[in-house]
Amino acid sequence: MNNKKKGNYKNEKIQNFAVKKMNNSEDTKKKKDKELPWWIELLFVQIGLPDRLLIKILKAKKKSKELIKNEKKSLIIFLFAIASLTYFYPVIKHSKNKLDCEAIAKDYIMKNKNILGINKKELKMLSTNFCYGGEEIYEIENRKN
C-alpha cells in the first residue's frame, strides 16, 4: 500500500513538474510577445529610422539609469543649485537694473541740473526717485527758475 502511495506521489510530482514547465514556457512566450513601447513603434517601425540609432538610444538610456542610481546625491545637489539660481535670477536682474538706472540718473542729475550743494545721500535719493518715475527732479528745476 505504501508503494502505491509512493508511486502515485512520484507520478503527481512528474505531472506537477510538467504543468509548471508548460506554464513557464507560456510565461516566456508572453515576455517575448511583449509589445514595443510606443516611441519605438512610431520612430523605428512606422517612420523607419535606422536601427543603429535605436541601439545608441537604448545604451544611453541604460547608462543614464546607472548614473542616476549611482550618483543620486550629486544629481540632487546639482538640481537644487540650478533651481535656486533659476529662482533668484529675477531678483538679481532687477537689482542690477536698479543699480544701473541709479548710476545713469546720477550722471543725468549732475550734468543737467547743475546742483552743487547736494550731498551723496540726497543725490542717491533723487536718482532712485527718478528711476521709479518720481518727479522731484522737475520740482528742483522749477525752484531754480
C-alpha atoms as a PDB file:
ATOM      1  CA  MET A   1       0.000   0.000   0.000  1.00  0.00           C
ATOM      2  CA  ASN A   2       2.836   2.360   0.805  1.00  0.00           C
ATOM      3  CA  ASN A   3       4.419   1.522  -2.532  1.00  0.00           C
ATOM      4  CA  LYS A   4       1.251   2.624  -4.322  1.00  0.00           C
ATOM      5  CA  LYS A   5       1.244   5.915  -2.463  1.00  0.00           C
ATOM      6  CA  LYS A   6       4.900   6.464  -3.295  1.00  0.00           C
ATOM      7  CA  GLY A   7       4.286   5.629  -6.939  1.00  0.00           C
ATOM      8  CA  ASN A   8       1.286   7.933  -7.076  1.00  0.00           C
ATOM      9  CA  TYR A   9       3.307  10.619  -5.337  1.00  0.00           C
ATOM     10  CA  LYS A  10       6.054  10.292  -7.934  1.00  0.00           C
ATOM     11  CA  ASN A  11       3.509  10.439 -10.750  1.00  0.00           C
ATOM     12  CA  GLU A  12       1.922  13.516  -9.220  1.00  0.00           C
ATOM     13  CA  LYS A  13       5.323  15.122  -8.864  1.00  0.00           C
ATOM     14  CA  ILE A  14       6.131  14.426 -12.508  1.00  0.00           C
ATOM     15  CA  GLN A  15       2.742  15.760 -13.602  1.00  0.00           C
ATOM     16  CA  ASN A  16       3.170  18.905 -11.475  1.00  0.00           C
ATOM     17  CA  PHE A  17       6.630  19.425 -12.963  1.00  0.00           C
ATOM     18  CA  ALA A  18       5.214  19.036 -16.465  1.00  0.00           C
ATOM     19  CA  VAL A  19       2.443  21.544 -15.692  1.00  0.00           C
ATOM     20  CA  LYS A  20       4.950  24.021 -14.238  1.00  0.00           C
ATOM     21  CA  LYS A  21       7.201  23.570 -17.257  1.00  0.00           C
ATOM     22  CA  MET A  22       4.294  24.293 -19.585  1.00  0.00           C
ATOM     23  CA  ASN A  23       3.349  27.367 -17.533  1.00  0.00           C
ATOM     24  CA  ASN A  24       6.938  28.586 -17.638  1.00  0.00           C
ATOM     25  CA  SER A  25       7.092  28.223 -21.400  1.00  0.00           C
ATOM     26  CA  GLU A  26       3.845  30.186 -21.664  1.00  0.00           C
ATOM     27  CA  ASP A  27       5.279  32.901 -19.405  1.00  0.00           C
ATOM     28  CA  THR A  28       8.402  33.186 -21.519  1.00  0.00           C
ATOM     29  CA  LYS A  29       6.261  33.420 -24.641  1.00  0.00           C
ATOM     30  CA  LYS A  30       4.294  36.215 -23.004  1.00  0.00           C
ATOM     31  CA  LYS A  31       7.525  38.020 -22.183  1.00  0.00           C
ATOM     32  CA  LYS A  32       8.766  37.583 -25.732  1.00  0.00           C
ATOM     33  CA  ASP A  33       5.451  38.728 -27.203  1.00  0.00           C
ATOM     34  CA  LYS A  34       5.501  41.879 -25.081  1.00  0.00           C
ATOM     35  CA  GLU A  35       4.501  44.942 -27.091  1.00  0.00           C
ATOM     36  CA  LEU A  36       7.098  47.507 -28.106  1.00  0.00           C
ATOM     37  CA  PRO A  37       6.984  50.907 -26.425  1.00  0.00           C
ATOM     38  CA  TRP A  38       5.015  53.474 -28.400  1.00  0.00           C
ATOM     39  CA  TRP A  39       8.053  55.613 -29.232  1.00  0.00           C
ATOM     40  CA  ILE A  40       9.944  52.642 -30.694  1.00  0.00           C
ATOM     41  CA  GLU A  41       6.882  51.636 -32.669  1.00  0.00           C
ATOM     42  CA  LEU A  42       6.452  55.165 -34.023  1.00  0.00           C
ATOM     43  CA  LEU A  43      10.059  56.084 -34.753  1.00  0.00           C
ATOM     44  CA  PHE A  44      11.629  52.826 -35.831  1.00  0.00           C
ATOM     45  CA  VAL A  45       8.756  50.768 -37.195  1.00  0.00           C
ATOM     46  CA  GLN A  46       6.422  53.341 -38.729  1.00  0.00           C
ATOM     47  CA  ILE A  47       8.892  56.068 -39.737  1.00  0.00           C
ATOM     48  CA  GLY A  48      11.803  53.724 -40.334  1.00  0.00           C
ATOM     49  CA  LEU A  49      14.738  55.328 -38.533  1.00  0.00           C
ATOM     50  CA  PRO A  50      17.979  53.301 -38.627  1.00  0.00           C
ATOM     51  CA  ASP A  51      18.463  50.526 -36.078  1.00  0.00           C
ATOM     52  CA  ARG A  52      21.891  51.788 -35.001  1.00  0.00           C
ATOM     53  CA  LEU A  53      20.152  54.887 -33.655  1.00  0.00           C
ATOM     54  CA  LEU A  54      17.885  52.672 -31.559  1.00  0.00           C
ATOM     55  CA  ILE A  55      20.921  50.853 -30.208  1.00  0.00           C
ATOM     56  CA  LYS A  56      22.564  54.147 -29.241  1.00  0.00           C
ATOM     57  CA  ILE A  57      19.370  55.365 -27.573  1.00  0.00           C
ATOM     58  CA  LEU A  58      18.965  52.173 -25.573  1.00  0.00           C
ATOM     59  CA  LYS A  59      22.636  52.265 -24.478  1.00  0.00           C
ATOM     60  CA  ALA A  60      22.281  55.881 -23.397  1.00  0.00           C
ATOM     61  CA  LYS A  61      19.104  55.023 -21.516  1.00  0.00           C
ATOM     62  CA  LYS A  62      20.873  52.200 -19.702  1.00  0.00           C
ATOM     63  CA  LYS A  63      23.869  54.399 -18.844  1.00  0.00           C
ATOM     64  CA  SER A  64      21.630  57.194 -17.587  1.00  0.00           C
ATOM     65  CA  LYS A  65      19.724  54.788 -15.328  1.00  0.00           C
ATOM     66  CA  GLU A  66      23.021  53.539 -13.890  1.00  0.00           C
ATOM     67  CA  LEU A  67      24.253  57.116 -13.432  1.00  0.00           C
ATOM     68  CA  ILE A  68      21.086  58.114 -11.630  1.00  0.00           C
ATOM     69  CA  LYS A  69      21.276  55.042  -9.448  1.00  0.00           C
ATOM     70  CA  ASN A  70      24.946  55.595  -8.527  1.00  0.00           C
ATOM     71  CA  GLU A  71      25.048  59.410  -8.324  1.00  0.00           C
ATOM     72  CA  LYS A  72      21.704  60.304  -6.719  1.00  0.00           C
ATOM     73  CA  LYS A  73      23.127  62.659  -4.106  1.00  0.00           C
ATOM     74  CA  SER A  74      25.257  64.604  -6.584  1.00  0.00           C
ATOM     75  CA  LEU A  75      22.360  64.939  -9.029  1.00  0.00           C
ATOM     76  CA  ILE A  76      20.017  66.179  -6.299  1.00  0.00           C
ATOM     77  CA  ILE A  77      22.557  68.800  -5.204  1.00  0.00           C
ATOM     78  CA  PHE A  78      23.086  69.869  -8.832  1.00  0.00           C
ATOM     79  CA  LEU A  79      19.337  70.169  -9.481  1.00  0.00           C
ATOM     80  CA  PHE A  80      18.876  72.109  -6.228  1.00  0.00           C
ATOM     81  CA  ALA A  81      21.626  74.532  -7.248  1.00  0.00           C
ATOM     82  CA  ILE A  82      20.066  75.042 -10.705  1.00  0.00           C
ATOM     83  CA  ALA A  83      16.621  75.542  -9.166  1.00  0.00           C
ATOM     84  CA  SER A  84      17.911  78.095  -6.673  1.00  0.00           C
ATOM     85  CA  LEU A  85      19.742  80.036  -9.410  1.00  0.00           C
ATOM     86  CA  THR A  86      16.601  79.992 -11.540  1.00  0.00           C
ATOM     87  CA  TYR A  87      14.526  81.184  -8.602  1.00  0.00           C
ATOM     88  CA  PHE A  88      16.840  84.056  -7.644  1.00  0.00           C
ATOM     89  CA  TYR A  89      17.773  85.211 -11.164  1.00  0.00           C
ATOM     90  CA  PRO A  90      14.867  87.692 -11.493  1.00  0.00           C
ATOM     91  CA  VAL A  91      15.789  89.272  -8.148  1.00  0.00           C
ATOM     92  CA  ILE A  92      19.423  89.620  -9.187  1.00  0.00           C
ATOM     93  CA  LYS A  93      18.464  91.035 -12.586  1.00  0.00           C
ATOM     94  CA  HIS A  94      16.108  93.581 -11.014  1.00  0.00           C
ATOM     95  CA  SER A  95      18.832  94.700  -8.579  1.00  0.00           C
ATOM     96  CA  LYS A  96      21.362  95.072 -11.392  1.00  0.00           C
ATOM     97  CA  ASN A  97      18.913  97.105 -13.483  1.00  0.00           C
ATOM     98  CA  LYS A  98      18.125  99.298 -10.468  1.00  0.00           C
ATOM     99  CA  LEU A  99      21.808  99.999  -9.825  1.00  0.00           C
ATOM    100  CA  ASP A 100      22.422 100.749 -13.495  1.00  0.00           C
ATOM    101  CA  CYS A 101      19.448 103.109 -13.590  1.00  0.00           C
ATOM    102  CA  GLU A 102      20.612 104.916 -10.447  1.00  0.00           C
ATOM    103  CA  ALA A 103      24.101 105.393 -11.889  1.00  0.00           C
ATOM    104  CA  ILE A 104      22.696 106.808 -15.122  1.00  0.00           C
ATOM    105  CA  ALA A 105      20.260 109.029 -13.188  1.00  0.00           C
ATOM    106  CA  LYS A 106      23.086 110.381 -11.001  1.00  0.00           C
ATOM    107  CA  ASP A 107      25.061 111.337 -14.088  1.00  0.00           C
ATOM    108  CA  TYR A 108      21.972 112.932 -15.619  1.00  0.00           C
ATOM    109  CA  ILE A 109      21.223 114.929 -12.475  1.00  0.00           C
ATOM    110  CA  MET A 110      24.815 116.107 -12.093  1.00  0.00           C
ATOM    111  CA  LYS A 111      25.115 117.194 -15.744  1.00  0.00           C
ATOM    112  CA  ASN A 112      21.701 118.667 -16.461  1.00  0.00           C
ATOM    113  CA  LYS A 113      20.533 120.153 -13.166  1.00  0.00           C
ATOM    114  CA  ASN A 114      23.793 121.800 -12.072  1.00  0.00           C
ATOM    115  CA  ILE A 115      23.187 121.050  -8.398  1.00  0.00           C
ATOM    116  CA  LEU A 116      26.324 121.863  -6.446  1.00  0.00           C
ATOM    117  CA  GLY A 117      25.301 121.881  -2.775  1.00  0.00           C
ATOM    118  CA  ILE A 118      23.798 118.393  -2.614  1.00  0.00           C
ATOM    119  CA  ASN A 119      25.266 115.515  -0.625  1.00  0.00           C
ATOM    120  CA  LYS A 120      25.600 111.909  -1.781  1.00  0.00           C
ATOM    121  CA  LYS A 121      22.570 110.607   0.135  1.00  0.00           C
ATOM    122  CA  GLU A 122      20.280 113.223  -1.373  1.00  0.00           C
ATOM    123  CA  LEU A 123      21.692 112.515  -4.812  1.00  0.00           C
ATOM    124  CA  LYS A 124      21.038 108.800  -4.347  1.00  0.00           C
ATOM    125  CA  MET A 125      17.506 109.521  -3.144  1.00  0.00           C
ATOM    126  CA  LEU A 126      16.829 111.728  -6.176  1.00  0.00           C
ATOM    127  CA  SER A 127      18.251 109.178  -8.608  1.00  0.00           C
ATOM    128  CA  THR A 128      16.207 106.346  -7.052  1.00  0.00           C
ATOM    129  CA  ASN A 129      13.097 108.509  -7.189  1.00  0.00           C
ATOM    130  CA  PHE A 130      13.826 109.335 -10.827  1.00  0.00           C
ATOM    131  CA  CYS A 131      14.252 105.637 -11.724  1.00  0.00           C
ATOM    132  CA  TYR A 132      10.882 104.745 -10.234  1.00  0.00           C
ATOM    133  CA  GLY A 133       9.043 107.507 -12.061  1.00  0.00           C
ATOM    134  CA  GLY A 134       9.258 110.272  -9.468  1.00  0.00           C
ATOM    135  CA  GLU A 135       9.132 113.912 -10.487  1.00  0.00           C
ATOM    136  CA  GLU A 136      11.235 115.555  -7.769  1.00  0.00           C
ATOM    137  CA  ILE A 137      13.909 116.431 -10.298  1.00  0.00           C
ATOM    138  CA  TYR A 138      11.457 118.590 -12.199  1.00  0.00           C
ATOM    139  CA  GLU A 139      10.476 120.338  -8.953  1.00  0.00           C
ATOM    140  CA  ILE A 140      14.137 121.157  -8.321  1.00  0.00           C
ATOM    141  CA  GLU A 141      14.301 122.745 -11.756  1.00  0.00           C
ATOM    142  CA  ASN A 142      11.202 124.819 -11.050  1.00  0.00           C
ATOM    143  CA  ARG A 143      12.679 126.122  -7.776  1.00  0.00           C
ATOM    144  CA  LYS A 144      15.782 127.404  -9.527  1.00  0.00           C
ATOM    145  CA  ASN A 145      13.812 129.196 -12.236  1.00  0.00           C
END
